[in-house]
PDB file of N, CA and C in Angstrom:
ATOM      1  N   MET A   1      32.475 135.337 186.412  1.00  0.00           N
ATOM      2  CA  MET A   1      33.329 135.998 185.437  1.00  0.00           C
ATOM      3  C   MET A   1      34.002 134.966 184.556  1.00  0.00           C
ATOM      4  N   ASN A   2      34.152 135.302 183.297  1.00  0.00           N
ATOM      5  CA  ASN A   2      34.803 134.391 182.357  1.00  0.00           C
ATOM      6  C   ASN A   2      36.291 134.263 182.657  1.00  0.00           C
ATOM      7  N   ALA A   3      36.841 133.090 182.379  1.00  0.00           N
ATOM      8  CA  ALA A   3      38.276 132.886 182.534  1.00  0.00           C
ATOM      9  C   ALA A   3      39.033 133.481 181.351  1.00  0.00           C
ATOM     10  N   LEU A   4      38.422 133.447 180.158  1.00  0.00           N
ATOM     11  CA  LEU A   4      39.018 133.998 178.946  1.00  0.00           C
ATOM     12  C   LEU A   4      38.057 135.054 178.417  1.00  0.00           C
ATOM     13  N   ILE A   5      38.553 136.257 178.238  1.00  0.00           N
ATOM     14  CA  ILE A   5      37.715 137.392 177.855  1.00  0.00           C
ATOM     15  C   ILE A   5      38.123 137.878 176.473  1.00  0.00           C
ATOM     16  N   ALA A   6      37.153 138.246 175.661  1.00  0.00           N
ATOM     17  CA  ALA A   6      37.415 138.793 174.319  1.00  0.00           C
ATOM     18  C   ALA A   6      36.812 140.187 174.223  1.00  0.00           C
ATOM     19  N   ILE A   7      37.619 141.132 173.754  1.00  0.00           N
ATOM     20  CA  ILE A   7      37.132 142.460 173.399  1.00  0.00           C
ATOM     21  C   ILE A   7      37.624 142.756 171.989  1.00  0.00           C
ATOM     22  N   TYR A   8      37.066 143.784 171.372  1.00  0.00           N
ATOM     23  CA  TYR A   8      37.359 144.085 169.978  1.00  0.00           C
ATOM     24  C   TYR A   8      37.749 145.555 169.815  1.00  0.00           C
ATOM     25  N   PRO A   9      38.988 145.904 170.169  1.00  0.00           N
ATOM     26  CA  PRO A   9      39.435 147.296 170.043  1.00  0.00           C
ATOM     27  C   PRO A   9      39.489 147.750 168.580  1.00  0.00           C
ATOM     28  N   TYR A  10      39.377 149.053 168.405  1.00  0.00           N
ATOM     29  CA  TYR A  10      39.448 149.701 167.092  1.00  0.00           C
ATOM     30  C   TYR A  10      39.889 151.139 167.319  1.00  0.00           C
ATOM     31  N   LYS A  11      40.258 151.799 166.229  1.00  0.00           N
ATOM     32  CA  LYS A  11      40.672 153.201 166.331  1.00  0.00           C
ATOM     33  C   LYS A  11      39.478 154.111 166.112  1.00  0.00           C
ATOM     34  N   PHE A  12      39.368 155.133 166.966  1.00  0.00           N
ATOM     35  CA  PHE A  12      38.334 156.150 166.845  1.00  0.00           C
ATOM     36  C   PHE A  12      38.983 157.494 167.127  1.00  0.00           C
ATOM     37  N   GLU A  13      38.974 158.359 166.131  1.00  0.00           N
ATOM     38  CA  GLU A  13      39.569 159.690 166.242  1.00  0.00           C
ATOM     39  C   GLU A  13      40.989 159.632 166.796  1.00  0.00           C
ATOM     40  N   GLY A  14      41.773 158.663 166.295  1.00  0.00           N
ATOM     41  CA  GLY A  14      43.181 158.540 166.657  1.00  0.00           C
ATOM     42  C   GLY A  14      43.472 157.786 167.937  1.00  0.00           C
ATOM     43  N   LEU A  15      42.436 157.340 168.645  1.00  0.00           N
ATOM     44  CA  LEU A  15      42.631 156.591 169.894  1.00  0.00           C
ATOM     45  C   LEU A  15      42.212 155.140 169.713  1.00  0.00           C
ATOM     46  N   TRP A  16      42.924 154.237 170.381  1.00  0.00           N
ATOM     47  CA  TRP A  16      42.461 152.857 170.472  1.00  0.00           C
ATOM     48  C   TRP A  16      41.369 152.821 171.530  1.00  0.00           C
ATOM     49  N   VAL A  17      40.203 152.316 171.170  1.00  0.00           N
ATOM     50  CA  VAL A  17      39.056 152.226 172.070  1.00  0.00           C
ATOM     51  C   VAL A  17      38.398 150.859 171.907  1.00  0.00           C
ATOM     52  N   PHE A  18      37.477 150.533 172.805  1.00  0.00           N
ATOM     53  CA  PHE A  18      36.682 149.326 172.633  1.00  0.00           C
ATOM     54  C   PHE A  18      35.314 149.532 173.252  1.00  0.00           C
ATOM     55  N   ASP A  19      34.367 148.753 172.779  1.00  0.00           N
ATOM     56  CA  ASP A  19      32.999 148.749 173.295  1.00  0.00           C
ATOM     57  C   ASP A  19      32.743 147.377 173.918  1.00  0.00           C
ATOM     58  N   ASP A  20      32.077 147.366 175.038  1.00  0.00           N
ATOM     59  CA  ASP A  20      31.617 146.110 175.618  1.00  0.00           C
ATOM     60  C   ASP A  20      30.332 146.427 176.377  1.00  0.00           C
ATOM     61  N   GLU A  21      29.237 146.389 175.648  1.00  0.00           N
ATOM     62  CA  GLU A  21      27.947 146.757 176.223  1.00  0.00           C
ATOM     63  C   GLU A  21      27.562 145.863 177.398  1.00  0.00           C
ATOM     64  N   LYS A  22      28.065 144.600 177.414  1.00  0.00           N
ATOM     65  CA  LYS A  22      27.747 143.685 178.514  1.00  0.00           C
ATOM     66  C   LYS A  22      28.197 144.231 179.865  1.00  0.00           C
ATOM     67  N   VAL A  23      29.271 145.044 179.853  1.00  0.00           N
ATOM     68  CA  VAL A  23      29.776 145.599 181.106  1.00  0.00           C
ATOM     69  C   VAL A  23      29.638 147.129 181.144  1.00  0.00           C
ATOM     70  N   GLY A  24      28.902 147.691 180.185  1.00  0.00           N
ATOM     71  CA  GLY A  24      28.599 149.115 180.198  1.00  0.00           C
ATOM     72  C   GLY A  24      29.698 150.037 179.701  1.00  0.00           C
ATOM     73  N   LEU A  25      30.525 149.557 178.780  1.00  0.00           N
ATOM     74  CA  LEU A  25      31.611 150.389 178.252  1.00  0.00           C
ATOM     75  C   LEU A  25      31.393 150.677 176.767  1.00  0.00           C
ATOM     76  N   ILE A  26      31.478 151.948 176.410  1.00  0.00           N
ATOM     77  CA  ILE A  26      31.379 152.379 175.016  1.00  0.00           C
ATOM     78  C   ILE A  26      32.546 153.319 174.740  1.00  0.00           C
ATOM     79  N   GLN A  27      33.298 153.022 173.697  1.00  0.00           N
ATOM     80  CA  GLN A  27      34.467 153.796 173.291  1.00  0.00           C
ATOM     81  C   GLN A  27      35.408 154.071 174.468  1.00  0.00           C
ATOM     82  N   GLU A  28      35.654 153.041 175.253  1.00  0.00           N
ATOM     83  CA  GLU A  28      36.590 153.125 176.383  1.00  0.00           C
ATOM     84  C   GLU A  28      38.012 153.175 175.815  1.00  0.00           C
ATOM     85  N   PRO A  29      38.758 154.253 176.092  1.00  0.00           N
ATOM     86  CA  PRO A  29      40.087 154.389 175.473  1.00  0.00           C
ATOM     87  C   PRO A  29      41.191 153.659 176.227  1.00  0.00           C
ATOM     88  N   PHE A  30      42.198 153.267 175.460  1.00  0.00           N
ATOM     89  CA  PHE A  30      43.464 152.782 176.009  1.00  0.00           C
ATOM     90  C   PHE A  30      44.420 153.966 175.971  1.00  0.00           C
ATOM     91  N   VAL A  31      45.080 154.263 177.086  1.00  0.00           N
ATOM     92  CA  VAL A  31      45.992 155.401 177.180  1.00  0.00           C
ATOM     93  C   VAL A  31      47.238 155.013 177.972  1.00  0.00           C
ATOM     94  N   SER A  32      48.156 155.940 178.110  1.00  0.00           N
ATOM     95  CA  SER A  32      49.319 155.812 179.000  1.00  0.00           C
ATOM     96  C   SER A  32      50.126 154.535 178.786  1.00  0.00           C
ATOM     97  N   GLY A  33      50.511 154.305 177.548  1.00  0.00           N
ATOM     98  CA  GLY A  33      51.352 153.159 177.228  1.00  0.00           C
ATOM     99  C   GLY A  33      50.584 151.961 176.726  1.00  0.00           C
ATOM    100  N   ALA A  34      49.363 151.740 177.200  1.00  0.00           N
ATOM    101  CA  ALA A  34      48.571 150.611 176.710  1.00  0.00           C
ATOM    102  C   ALA A  34      48.285 150.789 175.221  1.00  0.00           C
ATOM    103  N   ASP A  35      48.068 152.030 174.794  1.00  0.00           N
ATOM    104  CA  ASP A  35      47.844 152.318 173.376  1.00  0.00           C
ATOM    105  C   ASP A  35      49.081 152.006 172.545  1.00  0.00           C
ATOM    106  N   GLU A  36      50.259 152.300 173.078  1.00  0.00           N
ATOM    107  CA  GLU A  36      51.508 152.022 172.362  1.00  0.00           C
ATOM    108  C   GLU A  36      51.743 150.514 172.251  1.00  0.00           C
ATOM    109  N   ILE A  37      51.391 149.779 173.290  1.00  0.00           N
ATOM    110  CA  ILE A  37      51.515 148.312 173.236  1.00  0.00           C
ATOM    111  C   ILE A  37      50.604 147.765 172.144  1.00  0.00           C
ATOM    112  N   ILE A  38      49.384 148.267 172.063  1.00  0.00           N
ATOM    113  CA  ILE A  38      48.464 147.820 171.009  1.00  0.00           C
ATOM    114  C   ILE A  38      49.043 148.120 169.634  1.00  0.00           C
ATOM    115  N   GLU A  39      49.599 149.306 169.453  1.00  0.00           N
ATOM    116  CA  GLU A  39      50.227 149.655 168.163  1.00  0.00           C
ATOM    117  C   GLU A  39      51.278 148.619 167.781  1.00  0.00           C
ATOM    118  N   ARG A  40      52.138 148.275 168.728  1.00  0.00           N
ATOM    119  CA  ARG A  40      53.210 147.306 168.455  1.00  0.00           C
ATOM    120  C   ARG A  40      52.652 145.917 168.156  1.00  0.00           C
ATOM    121  N   MET A  41      51.674 145.492 168.945  1.00  0.00           N
ATOM    122  CA  MET A  41      51.168 144.128 168.833  1.00  0.00           C
ATOM    123  C   MET A  41      50.253 143.926 167.617  1.00  0.00           C
ATOM    124  N   THR A  42      49.779 145.000 167.017  1.00  0.00           N
ATOM    125  CA  THR A  42      48.871 144.863 165.870  1.00  0.00           C
ATOM    126  C   THR A  42      49.532 145.212 164.546  1.00  0.00           C
ATOM    127  N   GLN A  43      50.824 145.461 164.538  1.00  0.00           N
ATOM    128  CA  GLN A  43      51.517 145.838 163.307  1.00  0.00           C
ATOM    129  C   GLN A  43      51.304 144.833 162.178  1.00  0.00           C
ATOM    130  N   ARG A  44      51.182 143.567 162.509  1.00  0.00           N
ATOM    131  CA  ARG A  44      51.045 142.520 161.478  1.00  0.00           C
ATOM    132  C   ARG A  44      49.592 142.103 161.249  1.00  0.00           C
ATOM    133  N   ILE A  45      48.655 142.823 161.833  1.00  0.00           N
ATOM    134  CA  ILE A  45      47.238 142.503 161.644  1.00  0.00           C
ATOM    135  C   ILE A  45      46.663 143.495 160.636  1.00  0.00           C
ATOM    136  N   ALA A  46      46.369 143.002 159.455  1.00  0.00           N
ATOM    137  CA  ALA A  46      45.808 143.870 158.409  1.00  0.00           C
ATOM    138  C   ALA A  46      44.485 144.466 158.869  1.00  0.00           C
ATOM    139  N   GLY A  47      44.356 145.780 158.722  1.00  0.00           N
ATOM    140  CA  GLY A  47      43.103 146.443 159.069  1.00  0.00           C
ATOM    141  C   GLY A  47      42.801 146.511 160.550  1.00  0.00           C
ATOM    142  N   ALA A  48      43.812 146.347 161.405  1.00  0.00           N
ATOM    143  CA  ALA A  48      43.586 146.342 162.861  1.00  0.00           C
ATOM    144  C   ALA A  48      42.875 147.601 163.319  1.00  0.00           C
ATOM    145  N   GLU A  49      43.143 148.721 162.681  1.00  0.00           N
ATOM    146  CA  GLU A  49      42.505 149.973 163.114  1.00  0.00           C
ATOM    147  C   GLU A  49      40.989 149.926 162.967  1.00  0.00           C
ATOM    148  N   ARG A  50      40.481 149.030 162.118  1.00  0.00           N
ATOM    149  CA  ARG A  50      39.028 148.850 161.966  1.00  0.00           C
ATOM    150  C   ARG A  50      38.481 147.816 162.955  1.00  0.00           C
ATOM    151  N   GLY A  51      39.368 147.195 163.702  1.00  0.00           N
ATOM    152  CA  GLY A  51      38.959 146.242 164.722  1.00  0.00           C
ATOM    153  C   GLY A  51      39.760 144.955 164.679  1.00  0.00           C
ATOM    154  N   PHE A  52      40.114 144.461 165.843  1.00  0.00           N
ATOM    155  CA  PHE A  52      40.803 143.183 165.989  1.00  0.00           C
ATOM    156  C   PHE A  52      40.313 142.549 167.285  1.00  0.00           C
ATOM    157  N   ARG A  53      40.637 141.283 167.462  1.00  0.00           N
ATOM    158  CA  ARG A  53      40.227 140.579 168.682  1.00  0.00           C
ATOM    159  C   ARG A  53      41.398 140.570 169.671  1.00  0.00           C
ATOM    160  N   LEU A  54      41.102 140.961 170.903  1.00  0.00           N
ATOM    161  CA  LEU A  54      42.067 140.896 171.993  1.00  0.00           C
ATOM    162  C   LEU A  54      41.509 139.934 173.029  1.00  0.00           C
ATOM    163  N   LEU A  55      42.172 138.793 173.154  1.00  0.00           N
ATOM    164  CA  LEU A  55      41.814 137.798 174.168  1.00  0.00           C
ATOM    165  C   LEU A  55      42.721 138.013 175.365  1.00  0.00           C
ATOM    166  N   PHE A  56      42.158 137.969 176.574  1.00  0.00           N
ATOM    167  CA  PHE A  56      43.001 138.128 177.752  1.00  0.00           C
ATOM    168  C   PHE A  56      42.435 137.337 178.930  1.00  0.00           C
ATOM    169  N   SER A  57      43.337 137.028 179.854  1.00  0.00           N
ATOM    170  CA  SER A  57      42.984 136.216 181.008  1.00  0.00           C
ATOM    171  C   SER A  57      44.004 136.436 182.119  1.00  0.00           C
ATOM    172  N   ALA A  58      43.597 136.167 183.339  1.00  0.00           N
ATOM    173  CA  ALA A  58      44.525 136.192 184.467  1.00  0.00           C
ATOM    174  C   ALA A  58      45.327 134.892 184.537  1.00  0.00           C
ATOM    175  N   ASN A  59      44.986 133.935 183.683  1.00  0.00           N
ATOM    176  CA  ASN A  59      45.681 132.645 183.647  1.00  0.00           C
ATOM    177  C   ASN A  59      46.263 132.409 182.261  1.00  0.00           C
ATOM    178  N   PRO A  60      47.406 131.727 182.180  1.00  0.00           N
ATOM    179  CA  PRO A  60      47.952 131.409 180.859  1.00  0.00           C
ATOM    180  C   PRO A  60      46.946 130.576 180.065  1.00  0.00           C
ATOM    181  N   PHE A  61      46.901 130.776 178.756  1.00  0.00           N
ATOM    182  CA  PHE A  61      46.028 129.987 177.895  1.00  0.00           C
ATOM    183  C   PHE A  61      46.779 129.660 176.617  1.00  0.00           C
ATOM    184  N   PRO A  62      46.419 128.563 175.931  1.00  0.00           N
ATOM    185  CA  PRO A  62      47.123 128.170 174.713  1.00  0.00           C
ATOM    186  C   PRO A  62      47.100 129.296 173.682  1.00  0.00           C
ATOM    187  N   GLY A  63      48.269 129.628 173.167  1.00  0.00           N
ATOM    188  CA  GLY A  63      48.371 130.646 172.128  1.00  0.00           C
ATOM    189  C   GLY A  63      48.554 132.067 172.633  1.00  0.00           C
ATOM    190  N   HIS A  64      48.586 132.267 173.956  1.00  0.00           N
ATOM    191  CA  HIS A  64      48.804 133.654 174.407  1.00  0.00           C
ATOM    192  C   HIS A  64      50.158 134.126 173.894  1.00  0.00           C
ATOM    193  N   MET A  65      50.222 135.404 173.582  1.00  0.00           N
ATOM    194  CA  MET A  65      51.413 135.971 172.959  1.00  0.00           C
ATOM    195  C   MET A  65      52.299 136.731 173.938  1.00  0.00           C
ATOM    196  N   VAL A  66      51.678 137.383 174.904  1.00  0.00           N
ATOM    197  CA  VAL A  66      52.431 138.203 175.850  1.00  0.00           C
ATOM    198  C   VAL A  66      51.880 138.039 177.263  1.00  0.00           C
ATOM    199  N   GLU A  67      52.745 138.349 178.213  1.00  0.00           N
ATOM    200  CA  GLU A  67      52.389 138.309 179.632  1.00  0.00           C
ATOM    201  C   GLU A  67      52.693 139.672 180.227  1.00  0.00           C
ATOM    202  N   PHE A  68      51.744 140.189 180.985  1.00  0.00           N
ATOM    203  CA  PHE A  68      51.916 141.478 181.650  1.00  0.00           C
ATOM    204  C   PHE A  68      51.940 141.239 183.149  1.00  0.00           C
ATOM    205  N   GLU A  69      52.909 141.828 183.827  1.00  0.00           N
ATOM    206  CA  GLU A  69      53.061 141.659 185.264  1.00  0.00           C
ATOM    207  C   GLU A  69      52.641 142.945 185.977  1.00  0.00           C
ATOM    208  N   TRP A  70      51.804 142.796 187.000  1.00  0.00           N
ATOM    209  CA  TRP A  70      51.332 143.940 187.768  1.00  0.00           C
ATOM    210  C   TRP A  70      52.503 144.650 188.436  1.00  0.00           C
ATOM    211  N   ARG A  71      52.485 145.972 188.378  1.00  0.00           N
ATOM    212  CA  ARG A  71      53.529 146.780 189.018  1.00  0.00           C
ATOM    213  C   ARG A  71      52.985 147.557 190.219  1.00  0.00           C
ATOM    214  N   HIS A  72      51.987 148.421 189.974  1.00  0.00           N
ATOM    215  CA  HIS A  72      51.438 149.224 191.072  1.00  0.00           C
ATOM    216  C   HIS A  72      50.153 149.908 190.633  1.00  0.00           C
ATOM    217  N   GLU A  73      49.402 150.376 191.629  1.00  0.00           N
ATOM    218  CA  GLU A  73      48.148 151.091 191.400  1.00  0.00           C
ATOM    219  C   GLU A  73      48.463 152.575 191.248  1.00  0.00           C
ATOM    220  N   GLU A  74      47.687 153.243 190.412  1.00  0.00           N
ATOM    221  CA  GLU A  74      47.793 154.702 190.300  1.00  0.00           C
ATOM    222  C   GLU A  74      46.497 155.249 189.716  1.00  0.00           C
ATOM    223  N   SER A  75      45.954 156.259 190.343  1.00  0.00           N
ATOM    224  CA  SER A  75      44.764 156.964 189.851  1.00  0.00           C
ATOM    225  C   SER A  75      43.589 156.030 189.596  1.00  0.00           C
ATOM    226  N   GLY A  76      43.429 155.033 190.449  1.00  0.00           N
ATOM    227  CA  GLY A  76      42.328 154.093 190.321  1.00  0.00           C
ATOM    228  C   GLY A  76      42.571 152.977 189.324  1.00  0.00           C
ATOM    229  N   GLY A  77      43.625 153.089 188.529  1.00  0.00           N
ATOM    230  CA  GLY A  77      43.993 152.051 187.565  1.00  0.00           C
ATOM    231  C   GLY A  77      45.249 151.331 188.015  1.00  0.00           C
ATOM    232  N   ASN A  78      45.798 150.517 187.125  1.00  0.00           N
ATOM    233  CA  ASN A  78      46.965 149.711 187.483  1.00  0.00           C
ATOM    234  C   ASN A  78      47.970 149.673 186.344  1.00  0.00           C
ATOM    235  N   TRP A  79      49.235 149.755 186.719  1.00  0.00           N
ATOM    236  CA  TRP A  79      50.331 149.661 185.762  1.00  0.00           C
ATOM    237  C   TRP A  79      50.772 148.211 185.632  1.00  0.00           C
ATOM    238  N   TYR A  80      50.995 147.784 184.380  1.00  0.00           N
ATOM    239  CA  TYR A  80      51.484 146.446 184.068  1.00  0.00           C
ATOM    240  C   TYR A  80      52.712 146.568 183.185  1.00  0.00           C
ATOM    241  N   TYR A  81      53.638 145.619 183.345  1.00  0.00           N
ATOM    242  CA  TYR A  81      54.884 145.613 182.580  1.00  0.00           C
ATOM    243  C   TYR A  81      54.979 144.333 181.759  1.00  0.00           C
ATOM    244  N   CYS A  82      55.400 144.469 180.512  1.00  0.00           N
ATOM    245  CA  CYS A  82      55.633 143.322 179.640  1.00  0.00           C
ATOM    246  C   CYS A  82      57.132 143.211 179.391  1.00  0.00           C
ATOM    247  N   ALA A  83      57.752 142.179 179.932  1.00  0.00           N
ATOM    248  CA  ALA A  83      59.196 141.981 179.782  1.00  0.00           C
ATOM    249  C   ALA A  83      59.574 141.761 178.320  1.00  0.00           C
ATOM    250  N   ASP A  84      58.756 141.016 177.564  1.00  0.00           N
ATOM    251  CA  ASP A  84      59.073 140.758 176.154  1.00  0.00           C
ATOM    252  C   ASP A  84      59.143 142.045 175.346  1.00  0.00           C
ATOM    253  N   LEU A  85      58.273 142.983 175.639  1.00  0.00           N
ATOM    254  CA  LEU A  85      58.242 144.260 174.919  1.00  0.00           C
ATOM    255  C   LEU A  85      59.085 145.330 175.611  1.00  0.00           C
ATOM    256  N   LYS A  86      59.494 145.042 176.848  1.00  0.00           N
ATOM    257  CA  LYS A  86      60.202 146.024 177.667  1.00  0.00           C
ATOM    258  C   LYS A  86      59.409 147.332 177.719  1.00  0.00           C
ATOM    259  N   GLN A  87      58.127 147.170 178.019  1.00  0.00           N
ATOM    260  CA  GLN A  87      57.219 148.313 178.005  1.00  0.00           C
ATOM    261  C   GLN A  87      56.157 148.178 179.085  1.00  0.00           C
ATOM    262  N   GLU A  88      55.748 149.325 179.605  1.00  0.00           N
ATOM    263  CA  GLU A  88      54.744 149.396 180.644  1.00  0.00           C
ATOM    264  C   GLU A  88      53.498 150.080 180.089  1.00  0.00           C
ATOM    265  N   GLY A  89      52.336 149.684 180.598  1.00  0.00           N
ATOM    266  CA  GLY A  89      51.093 150.325 180.198  1.00  0.00           C
ATOM    267  C   GLY A  89      50.135 150.379 181.371  1.00  0.00           C
ATOM    268  N   TRP A  90      49.298 151.411 181.374  1.00  0.00           N
ATOM    269  CA  TRP A  90      48.332 151.624 182.451  1.00  0.00           C
ATOM    270  C   TRP A  90      46.964 151.155 182.002  1.00  0.00           C
ATOM    271  N   LEU A  91      46.315 150.374 182.834  1.00  0.00           N
ATOM    272  CA  LEU A  91      44.947 149.944 182.571  1.00  0.00           C
ATOM    273  C   LEU A  91      44.036 150.673 183.547  1.00  0.00           C
ATOM    274  N   CYS A  92      43.057 151.368 183.005  1.00  0.00           N
ATOM    275  CA  CYS A  92      42.159 152.208 183.793  1.00  0.00           C
ATOM    276  C   CYS A  92      41.229 151.353 184.660  1.00  0.00           C
ATOM    277  N   PRO A  93      40.411 151.985 185.495  1.00  0.00           N
ATOM    278  CA  PRO A  93      39.507 151.238 186.374  1.00  0.00           C
ATOM    279  C   PRO A  93      38.507 150.343 185.639  1.00  0.00           C
ATOM    280  N   ALA A  94      38.374 150.466 184.331  1.00  0.00           N
ATOM    281  CA  ALA A  94      37.519 149.545 183.572  1.00  0.00           C
ATOM    282  C   ALA A  94      37.989 148.096 183.746  1.00  0.00           C
ATOM    283  N   LEU A  95      39.245 147.911 184.142  1.00  0.00           N
ATOM    284  CA  LEU A  95      39.776 146.571 184.420  1.00  0.00           C
ATOM    285  C   LEU A  95      38.883 145.827 185.403  1.00  0.00           C
ATOM    286  N   PHE A  96      38.279 146.582 186.341  1.00  0.00           N
ATOM    287  CA  PHE A  96      37.461 145.954 187.374  1.00  0.00           C
ATOM    288  C   PHE A  96      36.076 145.557 186.881  1.00  0.00           C
ATOM    289  N   ARG A  97      35.771 145.819 185.636  1.00  0.00           N
ATOM    290  CA  ARG A  97      34.557 145.280 185.020  1.00  0.00           C
ATOM    291  C   ARG A  97      34.775 143.806 184.664  1.00  0.00           C
ATOM    292  N   TYR A  98      36.046 143.406 184.619  1.00  0.00           N
ATOM    293  CA  TYR A  98      36.411 142.042 184.230  1.00  0.00           C
ATOM    294  C   TYR A  98      37.033 141.228 185.365  1.00  0.00           C
ATOM    295  N   PHE A  99      37.637 141.909 186.329  1.00  0.00           N
ATOM    296  CA  PHE A  99      38.300 141.236 187.448  1.00  0.00           C
ATOM    297  C   PHE A  99      37.894 141.910 188.755  1.00  0.00           C
ATOM    298  N   ALA A 100      37.683 141.127 189.797  1.00  0.00           N
ATOM    299  CA  ALA A 100      37.321 141.682 191.107  1.00  0.00           C
ATOM    300  C   ALA A 100      38.475 142.484 191.701  1.00  0.00           C
ATOM    301  N   THR A 101      39.690 142.016 191.485  1.00  0.00           N
ATOM    302  CA  THR A 101      40.903 142.726 191.913  1.00  0.00           C
ATOM    303  C   THR A 101      41.889 142.698 190.750  1.00  0.00           C
ATOM    304  N   ALA A 102      42.859 143.571 190.776  1.00  0.00           N
ATOM    305  CA  ALA A 102      43.865 143.602 189.709  1.00  0.00           C
ATOM    306  C   ALA A 102      44.677 142.308 189.743  1.00  0.00           C
ATOM    307  N   PRO A 103      44.664 141.540 188.658  1.00  0.00           N
ATOM    308  CA  PRO A 103      45.428 140.288 188.662  1.00  0.00           C
ATOM    309  C   PRO A 103      46.934 140.541 188.713  1.00  0.00           C
ATOM    310  N   GLU A 104      47.652 139.607 189.302  1.00  0.00           N
ATOM    311  CA  GLU A 104      49.115 139.699 189.341  1.00  0.00           C
ATOM    312  C   GLU A 104      49.710 139.634 187.933  1.00  0.00           C
ATOM    313  N   ARG A 105      49.061 138.868 187.065  1.00  0.00           N
ATOM    314  CA  ARG A 105      49.514 138.737 185.678  1.00  0.00           C
ATOM    315  C   ARG A 105      48.292 138.738 184.759  1.00  0.00           C
ATOM    316  N   ILE A 106      48.503 139.279 183.565  1.00  0.00           N
ATOM    317  CA  ILE A 106      47.487 139.213 182.521  1.00  0.00           C
ATOM    318  C   ILE A 106      48.164 138.658 181.279  1.00  0.00           C
ATOM    319  N   TYR A 107      47.534 137.660 180.684  1.00  0.00           N
ATOM    320  CA  TYR A 107      48.048 137.014 179.479  1.00  0.00           C
ATOM    321  C   TYR A 107      47.144 137.454 178.324  1.00  0.00           C
ATOM    322  N   ALA A 108      47.749 137.723 177.156  1.00  0.00           N
ATOM    323  CA  ALA A 108      46.956 138.278 176.057  1.00  0.00           C
ATOM    324  C   ALA A 108      47.369 137.733 174.708  1.00  0.00           C
ATOM    325  N   LYS A 109      46.401 137.757 173.805  1.00  0.00           N
ATOM    326  CA  LYS A 109      46.620 137.390 172.408  1.00  0.00           C
ATOM    327  C   LYS A 109      45.929 138.437 171.540  1.00  0.00           C
ATOM    328  N   PHE A 110      46.638 138.947 170.568  1.00  0.00           N
ATOM    329  CA  PHE A 110      46.138 139.944 169.622  1.00  0.00           C
ATOM    330  C   PHE A 110      45.989 139.248 168.278  1.00  0.00           C
ATOM    331  N   GLU A 111      44.785 139.275 167.692  1.00  0.00           N
ATOM    332  CA  GLU A 111      44.588 138.567 166.432  1.00  0.00           C
ATOM    333  C   GLU A 111      43.502 139.238 165.599  1.00  0.00           C
ATOM    334  N   ALA A 112      43.501 138.904 164.317  1.00  0.00           N
ATOM    335  CA  ALA A 112      42.450 139.401 163.432  1.00  0.00           C
ATOM    336  C   ALA A 112      41.105 138.862 163.918  1.00  0.00           C
ATOM    337  N   LYS A 113      40.052 139.595 163.624  1.00  0.00           N
ATOM    338  CA  LYS A 113      38.713 139.195 164.100  1.00  0.00           C
ATOM    339  C   LYS A 113      38.363 137.776 163.685  1.00  0.00           C
ATOM    340  N   GLY A 114      38.706 137.382 162.490  1.00  0.00           N
ATOM    341  CA  GLY A 114      38.382 136.041 162.024  1.00  0.00           C
ATOM    342  C   GLY A 114      39.438 135.012 162.355  1.00  0.00           C
ATOM    343  N   GLY A 115      40.542 135.436 163.058  1.00  0.00           N
ATOM    344  CA  GLY A 115      41.693 134.576 163.262  1.00  0.00           C
ATOM    345  C   GLY A 115      41.654 133.682 164.362  1.00  0.00           C
TER     346      GLY A 115
END
C-alpha cells in the first residue's frame, strides 16, 4: 500500500464523490460530515466541484493541511475528528481499500489538480 494516496473528488448530482478504478470504486460518495469538511476545505480552490486533488496518509507529510483523529467505528465505517475545523466526519468502509485497519490519524491536503 502507498504511504501517500491521491484521489480526485468531484461533485456529481450534488454529492462529493470520487472514482478510483485501481481499488474498484466508482462515484463513491462522501457523507455524514465528510462532505461538509470537503466543502470547507475547497472554498479557495477554483472549480473544485469539477475535481480537485486530495492527498492523504496515515503519516504526516510535508504540506499537509489538516489532521483527523480516529474516534470510533460505526456501521462498518469510522468517525474522525479534526480539531482545527472542530468538525467530525464519517469515512465509509471504502477506507479499507487504502488501509488494512482504520488509522489512528489521517493527514490530508486539499489542492487544485495542477497544484
